[in-house]
Amino acid sequence: MLVICLLHTLVLSVHPYWADWLAGPFRDSEVGADEAAQFWGLPGGFVAPGALLGLMVLREGRLGRTVPAVVGIVLALWASACFWVVGPSGFLLVLVPAGMLIAARLSRRGSPRSTRTARA
């Protein structure tokens, strides 16, 4: 997820709309469809919450825990719905971490809980 967010930011961050967005055009005027699409594709899109979710999953993994399978299921459903609306796009890539989260949780069901001890 972090890689997807990073690549999304790198690809979409180079465009001419940053100055316009920082001026606040969405508050008091209409913006063009291209400018609005670019906004929802980067600063208003999935990048910030996706990166936070990725960091949370990374932390849980380092602590020997997994996130609930529903996190992966919701990600997969969201990506599938977006793919249905938009068509071939990067949304398909989200199915990879979603599947990994589901698989990690399902594989933990049959194994005993981690016996890691807290470090003093």
Protein backbone atom coordinates (compact mmCIF):
# COMPACT_ATOMS: atom_id res chain seq x y z
CA MET A 1 0.00 0.00 0.00
CA LEU A 2 2.82 2.37 0.82
CA VAL A 3 4.44 1.70 -2.56
CA ILE A 4 1.15 2.34 -4.37
CA CYS A 5 0.70 5.63 -2.47
CA LEU A 6 4.27 6.70 -3.17
CA LEU A 7 4.04 5.91 -6.89
CA HIS A 8 0.66 7.64 -7.10
CA THR A 9 2.15 10.75 -5.51
CA LEU A 10 5.21 10.75 -7.77
CA VAL A 11 3.20 10.32 -10.96
CA LEU A 12 0.46 12.84 -10.18
CA SER A 13 2.38 15.46 -8.24
CA VAL A 14 3.83 17.19 -11.31
CA HIS A 15 1.00 19.28 -12.73
CA PRO A 16 0.08 22.96 -12.88
CA TYR A 17 -2.82 22.99 -10.41
CA TRP A 18 -1.06 23.22 -7.02
CA ALA A 19 -1.07 27.04 -6.94
CA ASP A 20 -4.76 27.12 -7.87
CA TRP A 21 -5.68 24.55 -5.21
CA LEU A 22 -3.79 26.41 -2.51
CA ALA A 23 -5.81 29.52 -3.42
CA GLY A 24 -9.01 27.61 -2.49
CA PRO A 25 -11.03 27.53 -5.74
CA PHE A 26 -13.33 24.77 -4.51
CA ARG A 27 -14.77 27.08 -1.85
CA ASP A 28 -16.08 29.94 -3.95
CA SER A 29 -15.95 29.10 -7.66
CA GLU A 30 -16.34 26.29 -10.10
CA VAL A 31 -13.27 24.50 -11.30
CA GLY A 32 -12.74 22.67 -14.54
CA ALA A 33 -13.34 18.94 -14.77
CA ASP A 34 -9.65 18.24 -15.40
CA GLU A 35 -8.57 20.29 -12.38
CA ALA A 36 -11.18 18.61 -10.16
CA ALA A 37 -10.15 15.14 -11.36
CA GLN A 38 -6.51 15.92 -10.60
CA PHE A 39 -7.46 17.15 -7.12
CA TRP A 40 -9.42 14.01 -6.28
CA GLY A 41 -6.62 11.93 -7.77
CA LEU A 42 -3.94 13.23 -5.42
CA PRO A 43 -4.49 15.49 -2.38
CA GLY A 44 -8.21 14.71 -2.10
CA GLY A 45 -7.85 11.03 -2.92
CA PHE A 46 -6.68 7.80 -1.34
CA VAL A 47 -3.00 8.67 -0.93
CA ALA A 48 -3.03 10.10 2.61
CA PRO A 49 -5.44 7.57 4.18
CA GLY A 50 -3.80 4.76 2.18
CA ALA A 51 -0.36 5.69 3.47
CA LEU A 52 -1.68 5.85 7.05
CA LEU A 53 -3.32 2.45 6.64
CA GLY A 54 -0.09 1.06 5.21
CA LEU A 55 1.90 2.39 8.15
CA MET A 56 -0.61 0.91 10.60
CA VAL A 57 -0.43 -2.50 8.90
CA LEU A 58 3.38 -2.31 8.91
CA ARG A 59 3.37 -1.55 12.65
CA GLU A 60 0.99 -4.41 13.40
CA GLY A 61 3.20 -6.77 11.41
CA ARG A 62 6.29 -5.69 13.29
CA LEU A 63 4.45 -6.41 16.53
CA GLY A 64 3.58 -9.89 15.27
CA ARG A 65 -0.10 -9.10 14.75
CA THR A 66 -2.39 -8.95 11.75
CA VAL A 67 -5.23 -6.57 11.00
CA PRO A 68 -8.76 -7.97 10.77
CA ALA A 69 -9.59 -9.64 7.45
CA VAL A 70 -12.38 -7.12 6.96
CA VAL A 71 -9.73 -4.47 6.22
CA GLY A 72 -8.56 -6.46 3.20
CA ILE A 73 -12.12 -7.28 2.18
CA VAL A 74 -13.20 -3.62 2.25
CA LEU A 75 -10.09 -2.60 0.30
CA ALA A 76 -10.83 -5.26 -2.32
CA LEU A 77 -14.48 -4.22 -2.61
CA TRP A 78 -13.54 -0.54 -2.88
CA ALA A 79 -10.90 -1.23 -5.54
CA SER A 80 -13.31 -3.44 -7.48
CA ALA A 81 -16.04 -0.80 -7.39
CA CYS A 82 -13.61 1.89 -8.53
CA PHE A 83 -12.37 -0.40 -11.32
CA TRP A 84 -15.96 -0.96 -12.40
CA VAL A 85 -16.56 2.80 -12.61
CA VAL A 86 -13.21 3.90 -14.09
CA GLY A 87 -12.14 0.85 -16.07
CA PRO A 88 -8.56 -0.37 -16.43
CA SER A 89 -6.50 1.65 -13.98
CA GLY A 90 -4.25 1.45 -10.97
CA PHE A 91 -7.18 0.37 -8.81
CA LEU A 92 -6.39 -3.22 -9.78
CA LEU A 93 -3.07 -2.88 -7.94
CA VAL A 94 -4.94 -2.37 -4.66
CA LEU A 95 -6.21 -5.95 -4.97
CA VAL A 96 -2.66 -7.18 -4.28
CA PRO A 97 -2.27 -5.75 -0.75
CA ALA A 98 -5.96 -6.47 -0.07
CA GLY A 99 -5.43 -10.13 -0.91
CA MET A 100 -2.23 -10.21 1.14
CA LEU A 101 -4.05 -8.80 4.18
CA ILE A 102 -6.83 -11.38 3.86
CA ALA A 103 -4.34 -14.23 3.37
CA ALA A 104 -2.24 -13.11 6.35
CA ARG A 105 -5.27 -13.04 8.60
CA LEU A 106 -6.56 -16.41 7.41
CA SER A 107 -3.15 -18.03 7.86
CA ARG A 108 -2.99 -16.72 11.45
CA ARG A 109 -6.29 -18.38 12.34
CA GLY A 110 -4.76 -21.84 12.41
CA SER A 111 -1.49 -20.91 14.09
CA PRO A 112 -0.98 -20.25 17.79
CA ARG A 113 -0.67 -16.66 18.91
CA SER A 114 2.73 -15.08 18.87
CA THR A 115 4.72 -15.69 22.01
CA ARG A 116 6.86 -12.59 21.63
CA THR A 117 7.66 -11.02 24.93
CA ALA A 118 7.71 -7.33 25.55
CA ARG A 119 11.14 -5.79 25.67
CA ALA A 120 12.01 -4.10 28.91
